[in-house]
């Protein structure tokens, strides 16, 4: 039971992290300019990496709970 609660908290934190990076990227892209050129791609890579981590974690949770 405690393990399920901990994985839920981790997933919630990761989802909000993706949301925060996504919002920051959209705002930065909307403003444009030099700041967007400097950090736009880095924010996109951070978002994709966090999404990959969430997918891997979801697969691990599914496989762990299946058995």
N, C-alpha and C. Protein backbone atom coordinates (compact mmCIF):
# COMPACT_ATOMS: atom_id res chain seq x y z
N UNK A 1 0.82 -1.20 0.00
CA UNK A 1 0.00 0.00 0.00
C UNK A 1 0.86 1.26 0.00
N UNK A 2 1.86 1.28 0.85
CA UNK A 2 2.73 2.46 0.93
C UNK A 2 3.51 2.64 -0.37
N UNK A 3 3.83 1.53 -1.02
CA UNK A 3 4.57 1.61 -2.28
C UNK A 3 3.71 2.25 -3.37
N UNK A 4 2.41 1.92 -3.38
CA UNK A 4 1.50 2.53 -4.36
C UNK A 4 1.36 4.03 -4.13
N UNK A 5 1.29 4.44 -2.88
CA UNK A 5 1.18 5.86 -2.57
C UNK A 5 2.43 6.60 -3.01
N UNK A 6 3.59 5.99 -2.79
CA UNK A 6 4.86 6.62 -3.17
C UNK A 6 4.96 6.75 -4.70
N UNK A 7 4.57 5.71 -5.43
CA UNK A 7 4.62 5.80 -6.89
C UNK A 7 3.62 6.84 -7.40
N UNK A 8 2.48 6.95 -6.75
CA UNK A 8 1.52 7.98 -7.14
C UNK A 8 2.10 9.38 -6.95
N UNK A 9 2.76 9.60 -5.83
CA UNK A 9 3.38 10.91 -5.59
C UNK A 9 4.47 11.20 -6.63
N UNK A 10 5.26 10.20 -6.95
CA UNK A 10 6.32 10.38 -7.94
C UNK A 10 5.72 10.72 -9.29
N UNK A 11 4.66 10.00 -9.67
CA UNK A 11 4.01 10.28 -10.95
C UNK A 11 3.40 11.68 -10.98
N UNK A 12 2.79 12.09 -9.90
CA UNK A 12 2.20 13.43 -9.83
C UNK A 12 3.29 14.50 -9.96
N UNK A 13 4.39 14.31 -9.29
CA UNK A 13 5.50 15.26 -9.38
C UNK A 13 6.03 15.32 -10.80
N UNK A 14 6.18 14.17 -11.44
CA UNK A 14 6.70 14.16 -12.81
C UNK A 14 5.72 14.81 -13.79
N UNK A 15 4.44 14.55 -13.62
CA UNK A 15 3.45 15.16 -14.52
C UNK A 15 3.45 16.68 -14.37
N UNK A 16 3.51 17.17 -13.13
CA UNK A 16 3.55 18.62 -12.94
C UNK A 16 4.88 19.21 -13.44
N UNK A 17 5.95 18.44 -13.39
CA UNK A 17 7.22 18.90 -13.94
C UNK A 17 7.12 19.08 -15.45
N UNK A 18 6.49 18.11 -16.12
CA UNK A 18 6.29 18.22 -17.56
C UNK A 18 5.42 19.43 -17.87
N UNK A 19 4.37 19.61 -17.10
CA UNK A 19 3.48 20.75 -17.31
C UNK A 19 4.23 22.08 -17.14
N UNK A 20 5.06 22.16 -16.12
CA UNK A 20 5.83 23.39 -15.88
C UNK A 20 6.80 23.68 -17.02
N UNK A 21 7.49 22.65 -17.49
CA UNK A 21 8.44 22.84 -18.59
C UNK A 21 7.69 23.20 -19.87
N UNK A 22 6.53 22.57 -20.09
CA UNK A 22 5.73 22.88 -21.26
C UNK A 22 5.25 24.32 -21.25
N UNK A 23 4.76 24.78 -20.12
CA UNK A 23 4.29 26.17 -20.00
C UNK A 23 5.45 27.15 -20.19
N UNK A 24 6.59 26.84 -19.57
CA UNK A 24 7.76 27.71 -19.73
C UNK A 24 8.18 27.78 -21.19
N UNK A 25 8.15 26.65 -21.89
CA UNK A 25 8.52 26.63 -23.31
C UNK A 25 7.56 27.43 -24.17
N UNK A 26 6.27 27.30 -23.90
CA UNK A 26 5.27 28.04 -24.68
C UNK A 26 5.40 29.55 -24.43
N UNK A 27 5.57 29.93 -23.18
CA UNK A 27 5.74 31.35 -22.86
C UNK A 27 7.01 31.90 -23.50
N UNK A 28 8.07 31.14 -23.42
CA UNK A 28 9.34 31.57 -24.00
C UNK A 28 9.24 31.69 -25.51
N UNK A 29 8.56 30.73 -26.13
CA UNK A 29 8.38 30.78 -27.57
C UNK A 29 7.52 31.98 -27.97
N UNK A 30 6.51 32.27 -27.17
CA UNK A 30 5.64 33.40 -27.45
C UNK A 30 6.38 34.73 -27.36
N UNK A 31 7.31 34.81 -26.44
CA UNK A 31 8.08 36.05 -26.30
C UNK A 31 9.12 36.18 -27.40
N UNK A 32 9.64 35.03 -27.84
CA UNK A 32 10.63 35.03 -28.92
C UNK A 32 11.94 35.65 -28.49
N UNK A 33 12.71 36.07 -29.45
CA UNK A 33 13.96 36.77 -29.19
C UNK A 33 15.12 35.85 -28.84
N UNK A 34 16.11 36.47 -28.25
CA UNK A 34 17.36 35.77 -27.95
C UNK A 34 17.18 34.70 -26.87
N UNK A 35 16.33 34.98 -25.91
CA UNK A 35 16.10 34.02 -24.83
C UNK A 35 15.50 32.72 -25.38
N UNK A 36 14.60 32.84 -26.34
CA UNK A 36 14.01 31.67 -26.96
C UNK A 36 15.05 30.87 -27.72
N UNK A 37 15.92 31.57 -28.44
CA UNK A 37 16.98 30.89 -29.18
C UNK A 37 17.92 30.15 -28.25
N UNK A 38 18.15 30.72 -27.07
CA UNK A 38 19.10 30.13 -26.14
C UNK A 38 18.51 28.94 -25.38
N UNK A 39 17.24 29.03 -24.96
CA UNK A 39 16.68 28.00 -24.08
C UNK A 39 15.54 27.18 -24.68
N UNK A 40 15.04 27.56 -25.85
CA UNK A 40 13.90 26.86 -26.43
C UNK A 40 14.15 25.38 -26.65
N UNK A 41 15.27 25.04 -27.26
CA UNK A 41 15.58 23.65 -27.53
C UNK A 41 15.88 22.88 -26.25
N UNK A 42 16.52 23.53 -25.30
CA UNK A 42 16.82 22.86 -24.02
C UNK A 42 15.55 22.52 -23.27
N UNK A 43 14.56 23.42 -23.30
CA UNK A 43 13.29 23.15 -22.64
C UNK A 43 12.55 22.02 -23.33
N UNK A 44 12.61 21.98 -24.66
CA UNK A 44 11.96 20.90 -25.39
C UNK A 44 12.59 19.56 -25.05
N UNK A 45 13.90 19.52 -24.97
CA UNK A 45 14.60 18.27 -24.62
C UNK A 45 14.28 17.85 -23.19
N UNK A 46 14.16 18.81 -22.29
CA UNK A 46 13.80 18.49 -20.91
C UNK A 46 12.39 17.91 -20.85
N UNK A 47 11.47 18.48 -21.61
CA UNK A 47 10.09 17.98 -21.63
C UNK A 47 10.02 16.57 -22.20
N UNK A 48 10.72 16.33 -23.29
CA UNK A 48 10.73 15.00 -23.90
C UNK A 48 11.37 13.99 -22.95
N UNK A 49 12.42 14.37 -22.27
CA UNK A 49 13.09 13.47 -21.33
C UNK A 49 12.17 13.13 -20.15
N UNK A 50 11.48 14.12 -19.64
CA UNK A 50 10.55 13.86 -18.54
C UNK A 50 9.39 12.97 -18.98
N UNK A 51 8.90 13.19 -20.19
CA UNK A 51 7.83 12.34 -20.70
C UNK A 51 8.32 10.90 -20.87
N UNK A 52 9.53 10.72 -21.35
CA UNK A 52 10.13 9.39 -21.48
C UNK A 52 10.22 8.73 -20.11
N UNK A 53 10.63 9.47 -19.11
CA UNK A 53 10.74 8.93 -17.76
C UNK A 53 9.38 8.49 -17.23
N UNK A 54 8.35 9.27 -17.49
CA UNK A 54 7.01 8.91 -17.06
C UNK A 54 6.55 7.62 -17.74
N UNK A 55 6.79 7.49 -19.03
CA UNK A 55 6.38 6.29 -19.75
C UNK A 55 7.12 5.06 -19.21
N UNK A 56 8.40 5.18 -18.99
CA UNK A 56 9.17 4.06 -18.45
C UNK A 56 8.68 3.70 -17.06
N UNK A 57 8.39 4.69 -16.25
CA UNK A 57 7.88 4.43 -14.90
C UNK A 57 6.51 3.76 -14.94
N UNK A 58 5.65 4.20 -15.84
CA UNK A 58 4.34 3.57 -15.97
C UNK A 58 4.44 2.12 -16.41
N UNK A 59 5.35 1.84 -17.34
CA UNK A 59 5.57 0.46 -17.77
C UNK A 59 6.09 -0.38 -16.62
N UNK A 60 7.03 0.16 -15.85
CA UNK A 60 7.59 -0.58 -14.72
C UNK A 60 6.51 -0.85 -13.67
N UNK A 61 5.66 0.12 -13.41
CA UNK A 61 4.57 -0.07 -12.44
C UNK A 61 3.62 -1.14 -12.93
N UNK A 62 3.27 -1.10 -14.22
CA UNK A 62 2.37 -2.10 -14.77
C UNK A 62 2.97 -3.51 -14.65
N UNK A 63 4.22 -3.64 -15.03
CA UNK A 63 4.86 -4.97 -14.98
C UNK A 63 5.01 -5.45 -13.52
N UNK A 64 5.29 -4.55 -12.62
CA UNK A 64 5.47 -4.92 -11.23
C UNK A 64 4.14 -5.35 -10.61
N UNK A 65 3.06 -4.65 -10.92
CA UNK A 65 1.76 -4.97 -10.36
C UNK A 65 1.09 -6.15 -11.04
N UNK A 66 1.54 -6.48 -12.24
CA UNK A 66 0.96 -7.59 -13.00
C UNK A 66 1.23 -8.93 -12.32
N UNK A 67 2.42 -9.06 -11.76
CA UNK A 67 2.79 -10.35 -11.17
C UNK A 67 2.44 -10.44 -9.70
